[in-house]
Amino acid sequence: MATAAPLTPERILEATEEVLRRHGAAKATVVDVARALGVSHGTVYRHFRTKAELRGAVTRRWLDRTSVALSVIVEGTEPPERKLRHWLAALFEAKQHKAGDDPELFATYTVLTEENGGVVDAHIADLTGQLTAIVQEGVDAGEFTSQDPAVSARAVFDATGRFHDPSYAAHWSRPGIEDAFTAVVDLTVRGLRA
């Protein structure tokens, strides 16, 4: 079967995401993706050599949406403390929306992230790299004190894990979660201040 538009990796990833939304990670197949695109499964395999590679790519695409949105904050002109608070709040909000707006897809991606540890590790490295840039900016501006901004950034990431680690998703809609988030961020920022 031929398609009207050229088949690109991006179109395949879009179709894969839709198939995952409909069928879930356990039932979605490359044949389902190919059927959704109107092509043979062999055509999909020309772009992604294995089902695992396709699942890894769609997981990376999903995680990259958050990274890209947060990078805009890192590149912004806010003072470092405000930027740090903004970045942490945006990460928490993004995770809340992913879990709350489409719980079936979030559950599917939770499965995919568990099977794609390398993709998740790269995502966490990107996020902690962004935090490192913010902490370094704060040190350079005299707002933060840190002997090693990368170590401090990882500590901030770990300290706020309850608000971005998917294993805590059930907590993100509970009463009082916003107050708990503010308390942790306030404590974290006080620990960084020069």
C-alpha atoms as a PDB file:
ATOM      1  CA  MET A   1       0.000   0.000   0.000  1.00  0.00           C
ATOM      2  CA  ALA A   2       1.245   3.492  -0.779  1.00  0.00           C
ATOM      3  CA  THR A   3       0.663   6.536   1.372  1.00  0.00           C
ATOM      4  CA  ALA A   4      -0.168  10.044   0.193  1.00  0.00           C
ATOM      5  CA  ALA A   5       2.624  11.720   2.145  1.00  0.00           C
ATOM      6  CA  PRO A   6       6.174  10.405   2.390  1.00  0.00           C
ATOM      7  CA  LEU A   7       6.745   8.066   5.284  1.00  0.00           C
ATOM      8  CA  THR A   8       9.114   9.690   7.754  1.00  0.00           C
ATOM      9  CA  PRO A   9      10.339   8.573  11.172  1.00  0.00           C
ATOM     10  CA  GLU A  10       8.239  11.368  12.676  1.00  0.00           C
ATOM     11  CA  ARG A  11       5.044  10.067  11.025  1.00  0.00           C
ATOM     12  CA  ILE A  12       5.855   6.575  12.252  1.00  0.00           C
ATOM     13  CA  LEU A  13       6.372   7.870  15.794  1.00  0.00           C
ATOM     14  CA  GLU A  14       3.076   9.790  15.669  1.00  0.00           C
ATOM     15  CA  ALA A  15       1.259   6.659  14.519  1.00  0.00           C
ATOM     16  CA  THR A  16       3.026   4.566  17.152  1.00  0.00           C
ATOM     17  CA  GLU A  17       1.906   6.953  19.856  1.00  0.00           C
ATOM     18  CA  GLU A  18      -1.694   6.675  18.673  1.00  0.00           C
ATOM     19  CA  VAL A  19      -1.492   2.876  18.522  1.00  0.00           C
ATOM     20  CA  LEU A  20      -0.038   2.816  22.035  1.00  0.00           C
ATOM     21  CA  ARG A  21      -2.859   5.061  23.240  1.00  0.00           C
ATOM     22  CA  ARG A  22      -5.463   2.701  21.777  1.00  0.00           C
ATOM     23  CA  HIS A  23      -3.926  -0.693  22.545  1.00  0.00           C
ATOM     24  CA  GLY A  24      -1.470  -0.143  25.408  1.00  0.00           C
ATOM     25  CA  ALA A  25       2.155  -1.253  25.542  1.00  0.00           C
ATOM     26  CA  ALA A  26       1.359  -4.934  25.999  1.00  0.00           C
ATOM     27  CA  LYS A  27      -0.842  -5.271  22.897  1.00  0.00           C
ATOM     28  CA  ALA A  28       0.543  -2.691  20.451  1.00  0.00           C
ATOM     29  CA  THR A  29       2.508  -4.239  17.599  1.00  0.00           C
ATOM     30  CA  VAL A  30       4.539  -2.993  14.650  1.00  0.00           C
ATOM     31  CA  VAL A  31       1.846  -4.511  12.422  1.00  0.00           C
ATOM     32  CA  ASP A  32      -0.714  -2.235  14.143  1.00  0.00           C
ATOM     33  CA  VAL A  33       1.513   0.783  13.464  1.00  0.00           C
ATOM     34  CA  ALA A  34       1.963  -0.220   9.829  1.00  0.00           C
ATOM     35  CA  ARG A  35      -1.784  -0.738   9.441  1.00  0.00           C
ATOM     36  CA  ALA A  36      -2.447   2.734  10.877  1.00  0.00           C
ATOM     37  CA  LEU A  37      -0.054   4.201   8.321  1.00  0.00           C
ATOM     38  CA  GLY A  38      -1.348   2.111   5.419  1.00  0.00           C
ATOM     39  CA  VAL A  39       2.033   0.465   4.803  1.00  0.00           C
ATOM     40  CA  SER A  40       3.570  -2.961   5.334  1.00  0.00           C
ATOM     41  CA  HIS A  41       5.338  -3.698   8.604  1.00  0.00           C
ATOM     42  CA  GLY A  42       8.517  -4.174   6.549  1.00  0.00           C
ATOM     43  CA  THR A  43       8.301  -0.511   5.568  1.00  0.00           C
ATOM     44  CA  VAL A  44       8.238   0.501   9.238  1.00  0.00           C
ATOM     45  CA  TYR A  45      11.270  -1.740   9.857  1.00  0.00           C
ATOM     46  CA  ARG A  46      13.214   0.191   7.216  1.00  0.00           C
ATOM     47  CA  HIS A  47      13.098   3.189   9.578  1.00  0.00           C
ATOM     48  CA  PHE A  48      13.291   1.327  12.904  1.00  0.00           C
ATOM     49  CA  ARG A  49      15.157  -1.991  12.751  1.00  0.00           C
ATOM     50  CA  THR A  50      13.354  -3.585  15.692  1.00  0.00           C
ATOM     51  CA  LYS A  51      10.233  -3.201  17.765  1.00  0.00           C
ATOM     52  CA  ALA A  52      12.468  -2.301  20.726  1.00  0.00           C
ATOM     53  CA  GLU A  53      14.140   0.470  18.704  1.00  0.00           C
ATOM     54  CA  LEU A  54      10.731   1.874  17.744  1.00  0.00           C
ATOM     55  CA  ARG A  55       9.523   1.760  21.347  1.00  0.00           C
ATOM     56  CA  GLY A  56      12.730   3.432  22.513  1.00  0.00           C
ATOM     57  CA  ALA A  57      12.333   6.192  19.918  1.00  0.00           C
ATOM     58  CA  VAL A  58       8.722   6.904  20.876  1.00  0.00           C
ATOM     59  CA  THR A  59       9.717   6.962  24.548  1.00  0.00           C
ATOM     60  CA  ARG A  60      12.556   9.408  23.786  1.00  0.00           C
ATOM     61  CA  ARG A  61      10.137  11.603  21.827  1.00  0.00           C
ATOM     62  CA  TRP A  62       7.710  11.651  24.757  1.00  0.00           C
ATOM     63  CA  LEU A  63      10.414  12.527  27.299  1.00  0.00           C
ATOM     64  CA  ASP A  64      12.014  15.110  24.996  1.00  0.00           C
ATOM     65  CA  ARG A  65       8.830  17.179  25.018  1.00  0.00           C
ATOM     66  CA  THR A  66       9.462  17.933  28.677  1.00  0.00           C
ATOM     67  CA  SER A  67      13.172  18.580  28.152  1.00  0.00           C
ATOM     68  CA  VAL A  68      12.530  21.035  25.328  1.00  0.00           C
ATOM     69  CA  ALA A  69       9.941  22.980  27.321  1.00  0.00           C
ATOM     70  CA  LEU A  70      12.296  23.202  30.301  1.00  0.00           C
ATOM     71  CA  SER A  71      15.263  24.277  28.171  1.00  0.00           C
ATOM     72  CA  VAL A  72      13.362  27.459  27.301  1.00  0.00           C
ATOM     73  CA  ILE A  73      13.357  28.336  31.015  1.00  0.00           C
ATOM     74  CA  VAL A  74      17.087  27.599  31.333  1.00  0.00           C
ATOM     75  CA  GLU A  75      17.827  29.920  28.405  1.00  0.00           C
ATOM     76  CA  GLY A  76      15.569  32.663  29.791  1.00  0.00           C
ATOM     77  CA  THR A  77      16.596  35.845  31.542  1.00  0.00           C
ATOM     78  CA  GLU A  78      15.063  35.321  34.985  1.00  0.00           C
ATOM     79  CA  PRO A  79      17.387  35.661  37.978  1.00  0.00           C
ATOM     80  CA  PRO A  80      18.795  32.237  38.978  1.00  0.00           C
ATOM     81  CA  GLU A  81      16.612  31.655  42.058  1.00  0.00           C
ATOM     82  CA  ARG A  82      13.431  32.527  40.208  1.00  0.00           C
ATOM     83  CA  LYS A  83      14.614  30.441  37.245  1.00  0.00           C
ATOM     84  CA  LEU A  84      15.236  27.440  39.518  1.00  0.00           C
ATOM     85  CA  ARG A  85      11.788  27.748  41.095  1.00  0.00           C
ATOM     86  CA  HIS A  86      10.182  28.197  37.653  1.00  0.00           C
ATOM     87  CA  TRP A  87      12.034  25.166  36.237  1.00  0.00           C
ATOM     88  CA  LEU A  88      11.062  22.893  39.151  1.00  0.00           C
ATOM     89  CA  ALA A  89       7.434  24.059  38.997  1.00  0.00           C
ATOM     90  CA  ALA A  90       7.314  23.513  35.231  1.00  0.00           C
ATOM     91  CA  LEU A  91       8.725  19.995  35.604  1.00  0.00           C
ATOM     92  CA  PHE A  92       6.156  19.146  38.278  1.00  0.00           C
ATOM     93  CA  GLU A  93       3.327  20.643  36.233  1.00  0.00           C
ATOM     94  CA  ALA A  94       4.397  18.763  33.092  1.00  0.00           C
ATOM     95  CA  LYS A  95       4.448  15.478  34.976  1.00  0.00           C
ATOM     96  CA  GLN A  96       1.070  16.196  36.603  1.00  0.00           C
ATOM     97  CA  HIS A  97      -0.448  16.898  33.189  1.00  0.00           C
ATOM     98  CA  LYS A  98       1.033  13.787  31.624  1.00  0.00           C
ATOM     99  CA  ALA A  99      -0.355  11.639  34.423  1.00  0.00           C
ATOM    100  CA  GLY A 100      -3.708  13.385  34.781  1.00  0.00           C
ATOM    101  CA  ASP A 101      -4.651  14.396  31.246  1.00  0.00           C
ATOM    102  CA  ASP A 102      -4.229  10.979  29.628  1.00  0.00           C
ATOM    103  CA  PRO A 103      -3.802   8.332  32.352  1.00  0.00           C
ATOM    104  CA  GLU A 104      -3.924   5.415  29.897  1.00  0.00           C
ATOM    105  CA  LEU A 105      -1.113   6.853  27.809  1.00  0.00           C
ATOM    106  CA  PHE A 106       0.836   7.737  30.955  1.00  0.00           C
ATOM    107  CA  ALA A 107       0.517   4.123  32.140  1.00  0.00           C
ATOM    108  CA  THR A 108       1.716   2.940  28.741  1.00  0.00           C
ATOM    109  CA  TYR A 109       4.721   5.243  28.838  1.00  0.00           C
ATOM    110  CA  THR A 110       5.509   4.145  32.381  1.00  0.00           C
ATOM    111  CA  VAL A 111       5.878   0.609  30.996  1.00  0.00           C
ATOM    112  CA  LEU A 112       7.986   1.885  28.096  1.00  0.00           C
ATOM    113  CA  THR A 113      10.303   3.890  30.337  1.00  0.00           C
ATOM    114  CA  GLU A 114      10.879   0.810  32.479  1.00  0.00           C
ATOM    115  CA  GLU A 115      11.997  -1.175  29.433  1.00  0.00           C
ATOM    116  CA  ASN A 116      14.099   1.683  27.997  1.00  0.00           C
ATOM    117  CA  GLY A 117      16.481   2.435  30.848  1.00  0.00           C
ATOM    118  CA  GLY A 118      19.096   3.981  28.560  1.00  0.00           C
ATOM    119  CA  VAL A 119      16.566   6.458  27.185  1.00  0.00           C
ATOM    120  CA  VAL A 120      15.482   7.361  30.706  1.00  0.00           C
ATOM    121  CA  ASP A 121      19.092   7.733  31.856  1.00  0.00           C
ATOM    122  CA  ALA A 122      19.764  10.120  28.962  1.00  0.00           C
ATOM    123  CA  HIS A 123      16.625  12.098  29.856  1.00  0.00           C
ATOM    124  CA  ILE A 124      17.687  12.390  33.498  1.00  0.00           C
ATOM    125  CA  ALA A 125      21.179  13.426  32.400  1.00  0.00           C
ATOM    126  CA  ASP A 126      19.619  16.146  30.238  1.00  0.00           C
ATOM    127  CA  LEU A 127      17.435  17.374  33.092  1.00  0.00           C
ATOM    128  CA  THR A 128      20.279  17.415  35.610  1.00  0.00           C
ATOM    129  CA  GLY A 129      22.417  19.161  33.001  1.00  0.00           C
ATOM    130  CA  GLN A 130      19.783  21.877  32.772  1.00  0.00           C
ATOM    131  CA  LEU A 131      19.719  22.162  36.556  1.00  0.00           C
ATOM    132  CA  THR A 132      23.514  22.339  36.602  1.00  0.00           C
ATOM    133  CA  ALA A 133      23.372  25.308  34.226  1.00  0.00           C
ATOM    134  CA  ILE A 134      20.914  27.083  36.546  1.00  0.00           C
ATOM    135  CA  VAL A 135      22.983  26.371  39.665  1.00  0.00           C
ATOM    136  CA  GLN A 136      26.162  27.487  37.894  1.00  0.00           C
ATOM    137  CA  GLU A 137      24.424  30.687  36.818  1.00  0.00           C
ATOM    138  CA  GLY A 138      23.415  31.256  40.451  1.00  0.00           C
ATOM    139  CA  VAL A 139      26.980  30.688  41.640  1.00  0.00           C
ATOM    140  CA  ASP A 140      28.321  33.069  38.993  1.00  0.00           C
ATOM    141  CA  ALA A 141      25.761  35.702  40.036  1.00  0.00           C
ATOM    142  CA  GLY A 142      26.622  35.278  43.717  1.00  0.00           C
ATOM    143  CA  GLU A 143      23.103  34.010  44.552  1.00  0.00           C
ATOM    144  CA  PHE A 144      24.070  30.370  45.198  1.00  0.00           C
ATOM    145  CA  THR A 145      26.992  28.669  46.884  1.00  0.00           C
ATOM    146  CA  SER A 146      28.213  25.341  45.524  1.00  0.00           C
ATOM    147  CA  GLN A 147      31.592  23.676  45.376  1.00  0.00           C
ATOM    148  CA  ASP A 148      30.320  21.495  42.523  1.00  0.00           C
ATOM    149  CA  PRO A 149      27.209  22.729  40.669  1.00  0.00           C
ATOM    150  CA  ALA A 150      26.669  19.316  39.029  1.00  0.00           C
ATOM    151  CA  VAL A 151      26.558  17.586  42.421  1.00  0.00           C
ATOM    152  CA  SER A 152      24.251  20.284  43.781  1.00  0.00           C
ATOM    153  CA  ALA A 153      21.999  19.993  40.725  1.00  0.00           C
ATOM    154  CA  ARG A 154      21.713  16.228  41.178  1.00  0.00           C
ATOM    155  CA  ALA A 155      20.880  16.775  44.863  1.00  0.00           C
ATOM    156  CA  VAL A 156      18.106  19.224  43.891  1.00  0.00           C
ATOM    157  CA  PHE A 157      16.772  16.719  41.368  1.00  0.00           C
ATOM    158  CA  ASP A 158      16.822  13.904  43.915  1.00  0.00           C
ATOM    159  CA  ALA A 159      15.313  16.070  46.675  1.00  0.00           C
ATOM    160  CA  THR A 160      12.359  16.945  44.463  1.00  0.00           C
ATOM    161  CA  GLY A 161      11.870  13.406  43.126  1.00  0.00           C
ATOM    162  CA  ARG A 162       8.445  13.052  44.739  1.00  0.00           C
ATOM    163  CA  PHE A 163       7.223  15.701  42.305  1.00  0.00           C
ATOM    164  CA  HIS A 164       8.580  14.278  39.054  1.00  0.00           C
ATOM    165  CA  ASP A 165       9.362  10.573  39.476  1.00  0.00           C
ATOM    166  CA  PRO A 166       6.508   8.608  37.845  1.00  0.00           C
ATOM    167  CA  SER A 167       6.442   6.163  40.751  1.00  0.00           C
ATOM    168  CA  TYR A 168       4.840   8.995  42.791  1.00  0.00           C
ATOM    169  CA  ALA A 169       2.172   9.834  40.187  1.00  0.00           C
ATOM    170  CA  ALA A 170      -0.655   8.720  42.456  1.00  0.00           C
ATOM    171  CA  HIS A 171       0.402  11.448  44.933  1.00  0.00           C
ATOM    172  CA  TRP A 172       0.328  14.301  42.405  1.00  0.00           C
ATOM    173  CA  SER A 173      -3.407  14.908  42.640  1.00  0.00           C
ATOM    174  CA  ARG A 174      -3.728  14.548  46.411  1.00  0.00           C
ATOM    175  CA  PRO A 175      -4.779  17.485  48.587  1.00  0.00           C
ATOM    176  CA  GLY A 176      -1.817  19.391  49.965  1.00  0.00           C
ATOM    177  CA  ILE A 177       0.625  18.326  47.239  1.00  0.00           C
ATOM    178  CA  GLU A 178       1.202  21.926  46.098  1.00  0.00           C
ATOM    179  CA  ASP A 179       2.039  22.998  49.662  1.00  0.00           C
ATOM    180  CA  ALA A 180       4.411  20.035  50.015  1.00  0.00           C
ATOM    181  CA  PHE A 181       6.062  20.990  46.722  1.00  0.00           C
ATOM    182  CA  THR A 182       6.510  24.617  47.835  1.00  0.00           C
ATOM    183  CA  ALA A 183       8.001  23.517  51.163  1.00  0.00           C
ATOM    184  CA  VAL A 184      10.563  21.257  49.477  1.00  0.00           C
ATOM    185  CA  VAL A 185      11.510  23.909  46.914  1.00  0.00           C
ATOM    186  CA  ASP A 186      11.837  26.582  49.635  1.00  0.00           C
ATOM    187  CA  LEU A 187      14.104  24.306  51.674  1.00  0.00           C
ATOM    188  CA  THR A 188      16.171  23.424  48.610  1.00  0.00           C
ATOM    189  CA  VAL A 189      16.626  27.052  47.599  1.00  0.00           C
ATOM    190  CA  ARG A 190      17.635  28.029  51.151  1.00  0.00           C
ATOM    191  CA  GLY A 191      20.279  25.331  51.004  1.00  0.00           C
ATOM    192  CA  LEU A 192      21.739  26.815  47.813  1.00  0.00           C
ATOM    193  CA  ARG A 193      21.720  30.476  48.814  1.00  0.00           C
ATOM    194  CA  ALA A 194      25.078  32.178  49.171  1.00  0.00           C
END
